[in-house]
Every structure is written in C-alpha cells, then in structure tokens.
Protein backbone atom coordinates (compact mmCIF):
# COMPACT_ATOMS: atom_id res chain seq x y z
CA MET A 1 -55.81 35.42 71.99
CA ASN A 2 -55.59 34.83 75.59
CA VAL A 3 -54.19 30.96 75.21
CA HIS A 4 -51.16 32.21 72.71
CA ARG A 5 -50.23 34.85 74.85
CA ALA A 6 -50.06 32.28 77.92
CA LEU A 7 -48.53 29.18 76.32
CA GLY A 8 -46.86 30.63 73.62
CA PRO A 9 -45.85 28.66 70.57
CA GLY A 10 -44.16 25.38 70.47
CA LEU A 11 -47.09 23.06 72.27
CA THR A 12 -48.59 20.43 70.90
CA ARG A 13 -51.96 20.57 69.31
CA ASP A 14 -53.78 19.04 72.56
CA ALA A 15 -52.72 21.56 74.69
CA TYR A 16 -54.20 24.12 72.89
CA VAL A 17 -57.24 22.68 72.03
CA GLU A 18 -57.46 21.91 75.98
CA CYS A 19 -56.62 25.30 76.98
CA LEU A 20 -58.98 27.27 74.43
CA ALA A 21 -62.03 24.90 75.03
CA ILE A 22 -61.38 25.93 78.97
CA GLU A 23 -61.54 30.01 77.04
CA LEU A 24 -64.65 29.40 75.45
CA ARG A 25 -66.70 27.92 78.48
CA GLU A 26 -65.29 31.09 80.74
CA LEU A 27 -65.89 33.71 77.56
CA GLU A 28 -69.98 31.36 77.99
CA PHE A 29 -69.72 30.60 74.15
CA ASP A 30 -72.06 27.67 73.41
CA PHE A 31 -70.00 25.32 71.58
CA LYS A 32 -69.60 21.89 70.42
CA ARG A 33 -65.72 19.93 70.99
CA ASN A 34 -65.01 17.08 69.39
CA ALA A 35 -67.91 16.60 67.11
CA PRO A 36 -68.07 14.12 64.41
CA LEU A 37 -68.33 15.09 60.36
CA GLU A 38 -71.44 14.00 59.48
CA PHE A 39 -73.85 14.67 56.31
CA ASP A 40 -75.95 13.56 53.97
CA TYR A 41 -75.34 11.57 50.48
CA LEU A 42 -77.83 10.55 48.42
CA GLY A 43 -80.35 10.64 51.09
CA LYS A 44 -78.02 8.81 53.69
CA ARG A 45 -76.71 10.35 56.46
CA VAL A 46 -72.91 9.07 56.82
CA LYS A 47 -70.81 9.77 59.87
CA THR A 48 -66.90 9.81 58.92
CA ALA A 49 -64.05 9.49 61.60
CA THR A 50 -62.97 12.93 61.02
CA ARG A 51 -63.59 15.14 64.24
CA LEU A 52 -64.25 19.00 64.57
CA ASP A 53 -62.39 20.61 67.22
CA PHE A 54 -64.67 23.10 67.79
CA VAL A 55 -68.10 24.61 66.16
CA VAL A 56 -69.31 27.63 68.02
CA GLY A 57 -72.58 28.68 67.99
CA GLY A 58 -73.80 26.63 65.10
CA SER A 59 -72.07 28.83 62.75
CA LEU A 60 -68.37 29.08 63.08
CA LEU A 61 -66.27 25.97 62.75
CA LEU A 62 -63.17 26.12 64.44
CA GLN A 63 -59.70 23.80 63.78
CA VAL A 64 -56.66 24.01 65.80
CA ARG A 65 -53.13 23.28 64.72
CA SER A 66 -49.41 23.74 65.50
CA GLN A 67 -47.28 23.53 63.01
CA GLU A 68 -45.00 25.06 60.61
CA ALA A 69 -47.71 26.43 58.26
CA ILE A 70 -51.36 26.30 57.22
CA THR A 71 -50.75 24.24 54.00
CA LYS A 72 -53.46 24.92 51.05
CA GLN A 73 -54.87 21.80 50.88
CA GLU A 74 -56.00 22.29 54.68
CA GLU A 75 -57.53 25.25 53.64
CA GLN A 76 -59.16 22.91 50.78
CA GLN A 77 -60.59 20.59 53.63
CA MET A 78 -61.62 23.19 55.71
CA GLU A 79 -64.11 24.87 52.72
CA SER A 80 -65.36 21.20 51.96
CA MET A 81 -66.01 20.45 56.37
CA LEU A 82 -68.03 23.74 56.06
CA LYS A 83 -69.81 22.83 52.93
CA LEU A 84 -70.70 19.47 54.31
CA CYS A 85 -71.72 21.14 57.32
CA LEU A 86 -73.97 23.72 56.47
CA ILE A 87 -71.82 26.63 57.89
CA ARG A 88 -70.58 29.38 56.14
CA THR A 89 -67.25 30.42 58.03
CA GLY A 90 -64.11 28.58 59.48
CA LEU A 91 -61.11 29.53 61.28
CA LEU A 92 -58.03 27.37 60.82
CA VAL A 93 -55.45 28.54 64.15
CA ASN A 94 -52.43 27.81 63.94
CA PHE A 95 -50.40 28.34 67.46
CA ASN A 96 -47.16 27.21 66.01
CA VAL A 97 -46.53 31.02 65.17
CA PRO A 98 -45.00 34.18 66.94
CA LYS A 99 -47.85 36.19 66.93
CA LEU A 100 -51.39 34.49 66.54
CA ARG A 101 -52.58 37.01 64.32
CA LYS A 102 -50.45 35.52 61.21
CA GLY A 103 -51.51 31.87 62.42
CA ILE A 104 -55.01 32.24 61.87
CA HIS A 105 -56.73 31.62 58.27
CA GLN A 106 -60.66 32.67 57.85
CA VAL A 107 -62.61 30.74 55.37
CA THR A 108 -65.69 31.54 54.33
CA ILE A 109 -68.06 29.63 52.13
CA LYS A 110 -69.83 32.16 49.54
CA PRO A 111 -73.66 32.09 49.11
CA ARG A 112 -73.94 31.06 46.01
CA ASP A 113 -71.21 27.99 46.61
CA HIS A 114 -73.02 27.02 49.83
CA PRO A 115 -75.63 24.05 49.96
CA LYS A 116 -77.70 26.29 52.36
CA ALA A 117 -78.72 28.48 49.38
CA GLU A 118 -80.18 25.85 46.98
CA ALA A 119 -82.90 25.86 49.83
C-alpha cells in the first residue's frame, strides 16, 4: 500500500518491484527475490527461466504487475506456479490501478489440490 500511495499508478513494473523490495526489507520480512521457478519432474530437478518476483517467508508467492488488468491466464499461471513451488497462497498485485485494493488478486491452492497434501 505504501508503494502505491507514494508512486501511484502508471509506472513500469520494475519501479514497483524495486520499491516493494525496499518496503519488505524495511519491515524486516524474510523474502527471496527473483528466484528461479524450480520443481521436480519424474525424479529430475527442472530449473526454468521463469522468475518469481518475491517468495515471502517461504509461504507466500508475490508477483508484481503494472498493466490494464490481471487476466484469467495469469491467475491460472499463478496457480500452476504455486503447485510447483509447493506454496499454497499467492498474490498477483497490479499497481496500475487507481486504488490498490482493486489490483490485488489472491490465488489459493486448496489443500486437496496441493502436492504437499499427498505427502
């Protein structure tokens, strides 16, 4: 909220990512930034070119956007990334909106659909 309040809508995604990293550090959150999407497939480790904007506390995937709207495809991609990362909750945050609350899209994997539930 602080980032959007200070910068407003209309900037590039990179500007919001940089400022959000500063905010998370200031709030002393434990997070990884720009981590590669990695997962196991048929017993082999797969490392992709896809980057995860922020993994907060190992339990929240946060992806930043600055565009007209979040698409259904992006929500489906988030759901797939959550399953592969073994994380249950993700936020797609679109900063290109007048009020940030309208730009936050939560994606949650139900326990029965989550790979960790099988363990």
